Structures are given as C-alpha cells and as structure tokens.
Amino acid sequence: MSQARATRSVTRADIEAKLREIQGGADAGADAAKGAGLAAGIVVVVLAVVIAYLLGRRKGRKRRSIVEIRRI
C-alpha cells in the first residue's frame, strides 16, 4: 500500500460510486437470469400439463367399461 493512498480518507462520493458500480453488475446479471428463469418456468408448466393429460387418458382407459345396448 502506498503512502499517498494511506493518508487519503474515503469520502461519501467514493462509497456511492463503488455501490453504483456493484449495482450495475448485479442488475445486468439479474436481467440475464430473469429471461432464463421465465423460459424454464414455461417449460415446467407445459410439461406438467402434458403429464396430467397423459395420466388422465391412461386412467380413463383403465376404467372404461363396455356398454352393450340391445333392442328387443
């Protein structure tokens, strides 16, 4: 650590600038993750609907009864 840097005090402007820098990086990462999260959520919902449909069809086939109507 240099002698000049050790004597300089940290100002409010220094802290605000560093926080803005950190926040800018976090916002960029959050925007990228938001798009990926939305796509993953849509895929999960579609898969859940397809699985529920297929399980319902299977259950309906198992319980299907054959009704025979005869006229006399």
C-alpha atoms as a PDB file:
ATOM      1  CA  MET A   1       0.000   0.000   0.000  1.00  0.00           C
ATOM      2  CA  SER A   2       1.450   3.360  -0.981  1.00  0.00           C
ATOM      3  CA  GLN A   3       1.980   6.253   1.396  1.00  0.00           C
ATOM      4  CA  ALA A   4      -0.312   8.604  -0.611  1.00  0.00           C
ATOM      5  CA  ARG A   5      -3.194   6.173  -0.569  1.00  0.00           C
ATOM      6  CA  ALA A   6      -2.925   5.524   3.151  1.00  0.00           C
ATOM      7  CA  THR A   7      -3.385   9.199   4.046  1.00  0.00           C
ATOM      8  CA  ARG A   8      -6.390   9.771   1.769  1.00  0.00           C
ATOM      9  CA  SER A   9      -9.733   9.286   3.532  1.00  0.00           C
ATOM     10  CA  VAL A  10     -12.707   7.590   1.956  1.00  0.00           C
ATOM     11  CA  THR A  11     -15.406  10.057   1.006  1.00  0.00           C
ATOM     12  CA  ARG A  12     -19.099   9.615   0.563  1.00  0.00           C
ATOM     13  CA  ALA A  13     -18.690  10.055  -3.200  1.00  0.00           C
ATOM     14  CA  ASP A  14     -16.191   7.145  -3.281  1.00  0.00           C
ATOM     15  CA  ILE A  15     -18.649   4.868  -1.500  1.00  0.00           C
ATOM     16  CA  GLU A  16     -21.565   5.913  -3.734  1.00  0.00           C
ATOM     17  CA  ALA A  17     -19.508   5.351  -6.883  1.00  0.00           C
ATOM     18  CA  LYS A  18     -18.485   1.877  -5.753  1.00  0.00           C
ATOM     19  CA  LEU A  19     -22.058   0.956  -4.826  1.00  0.00           C
ATOM     20  CA  ARG A  20     -23.323   2.121  -8.247  1.00  0.00           C
ATOM     21  CA  GLU A  21     -20.641   0.004  -9.907  1.00  0.00           C
ATOM     22  CA  ILE A  22     -21.657  -3.067  -7.909  1.00  0.00           C
ATOM     23  CA  GLN A  23     -25.368  -2.447  -8.500  1.00  0.00           C
ATOM     24  CA  GLY A  24     -24.840  -2.098 -12.262  1.00  0.00           C
ATOM     25  CA  GLY A  25     -23.187  -5.515 -12.408  1.00  0.00           C
ATOM     26  CA  ALA A  26     -25.912  -7.074 -10.306  1.00  0.00           C
ATOM     27  CA  ASP A  27     -28.664  -5.589 -12.468  1.00  0.00           C
ATOM     28  CA  ALA A  28     -27.090  -6.977 -15.640  1.00  0.00           C
ATOM     29  CA  GLY A  29     -26.853 -10.436 -14.090  1.00  0.00           C
ATOM     30  CA  ALA A  30     -30.425 -10.270 -12.819  1.00  0.00           C
ATOM     31  CA  ASP A  31     -31.756  -9.365 -16.269  1.00  0.00           C
ATOM     32  CA  ALA A  32     -29.971 -12.320 -17.828  1.00  0.00           C
ATOM     33  CA  ALA A  33     -31.242 -14.702 -15.146  1.00  0.00           C
ATOM     34  CA  LYS A  34     -34.793 -13.363 -15.445  1.00  0.00           C
ATOM     35  CA  GLY A  35     -35.055 -14.433 -19.084  1.00  0.00           C
ATOM     36  CA  ALA A  36     -33.686 -17.890 -18.368  1.00  0.00           C
ATOM     37  CA  GLY A  37     -35.982 -18.286 -15.367  1.00  0.00           C
ATOM     38  CA  LEU A  38     -39.032 -17.318 -17.384  1.00  0.00           C
ATOM     39  CA  ALA A  39     -38.183 -19.831 -20.109  1.00  0.00           C
ATOM     40  CA  ALA A  40     -37.620 -22.587 -17.534  1.00  0.00           C
ATOM     41  CA  GLY A  41     -40.936 -21.768 -15.836  1.00  0.00           C
ATOM     42  CA  ILE A  42     -42.834 -22.024 -19.106  1.00  0.00           C
ATOM     43  CA  VAL A  43     -41.230 -25.388 -19.883  1.00  0.00           C
ATOM     44  CA  VAL A  44     -42.141 -26.730 -16.427  1.00  0.00           C
ATOM     45  CA  VAL A  45     -45.786 -25.638 -16.784  1.00  0.00           C
ATOM     46  CA  VAL A  46     -46.115 -27.183 -20.254  1.00  0.00           C
ATOM     47  CA  LEU A  47     -44.578 -30.455 -19.046  1.00  0.00           C
ATOM     48  CA  ALA A  48     -46.936 -30.555 -16.059  1.00  0.00           C
ATOM     49  CA  VAL A  49     -49.966 -30.104 -18.312  1.00  0.00           C
ATOM     50  CA  VAL A  50     -48.786 -32.804 -20.738  1.00  0.00           C
ATOM     51  CA  ILE A  51     -48.089 -35.278 -17.920  1.00  0.00           C
ATOM     52  CA  ALA A  52     -51.502 -34.612 -16.325  1.00  0.00           C
ATOM     53  CA  TYR A  53     -53.200 -35.136 -19.698  1.00  0.00           C
ATOM     54  CA  LEU A  54     -51.394 -38.419 -20.369  1.00  0.00           C
ATOM     55  CA  LEU A  55     -52.051 -39.770 -16.874  1.00  0.00           C
ATOM     56  CA  GLY A  56     -55.737 -38.835 -17.206  1.00  0.00           C
ATOM     57  CA  ARG A  57     -56.012 -40.649 -20.528  1.00  0.00           C
ATOM     58  CA  ARG A  58     -54.411 -43.744 -19.063  1.00  0.00           C
ATOM     59  CA  LYS A  59     -56.712 -43.756 -16.067  1.00  0.00           C
ATOM     60  CA  GLY A  60     -59.723 -43.300 -18.334  1.00  0.00           C
ATOM     61  CA  ARG A  61     -58.709 -46.301 -20.428  1.00  0.00           C
ATOM     62  CA  LYS A  62     -58.369 -48.493 -17.349  1.00  0.00           C
ATOM     63  CA  ARG A  63     -61.824 -47.635 -16.046  1.00  0.00           C
ATOM     64  CA  ARG A  64     -63.579 -47.684 -19.392  1.00  0.00           C
ATOM     65  CA  SER A  65     -66.421 -50.129 -19.436  1.00  0.00           C
ATOM     66  CA  ILE A  66     -68.062 -51.618 -22.470  1.00  0.00           C
ATOM     67  CA  VAL A  67     -71.757 -50.945 -22.605  1.00  0.00           C
ATOM     68  CA  GLU A  68     -73.749 -53.041 -24.993  1.00  0.00           C
ATOM     69  CA  ILE A  69     -77.239 -51.937 -25.899  1.00  0.00           C
ATOM     70  CA  ARG A  70     -79.624 -54.421 -27.482  1.00  0.00           C
ATOM     71  CA  ARG A  71     -83.106 -53.765 -28.615  1.00  0.00           C
ATOM     72  CA  ILE A  72     -85.587 -56.491 -28.250  1.00  0.00           C
END
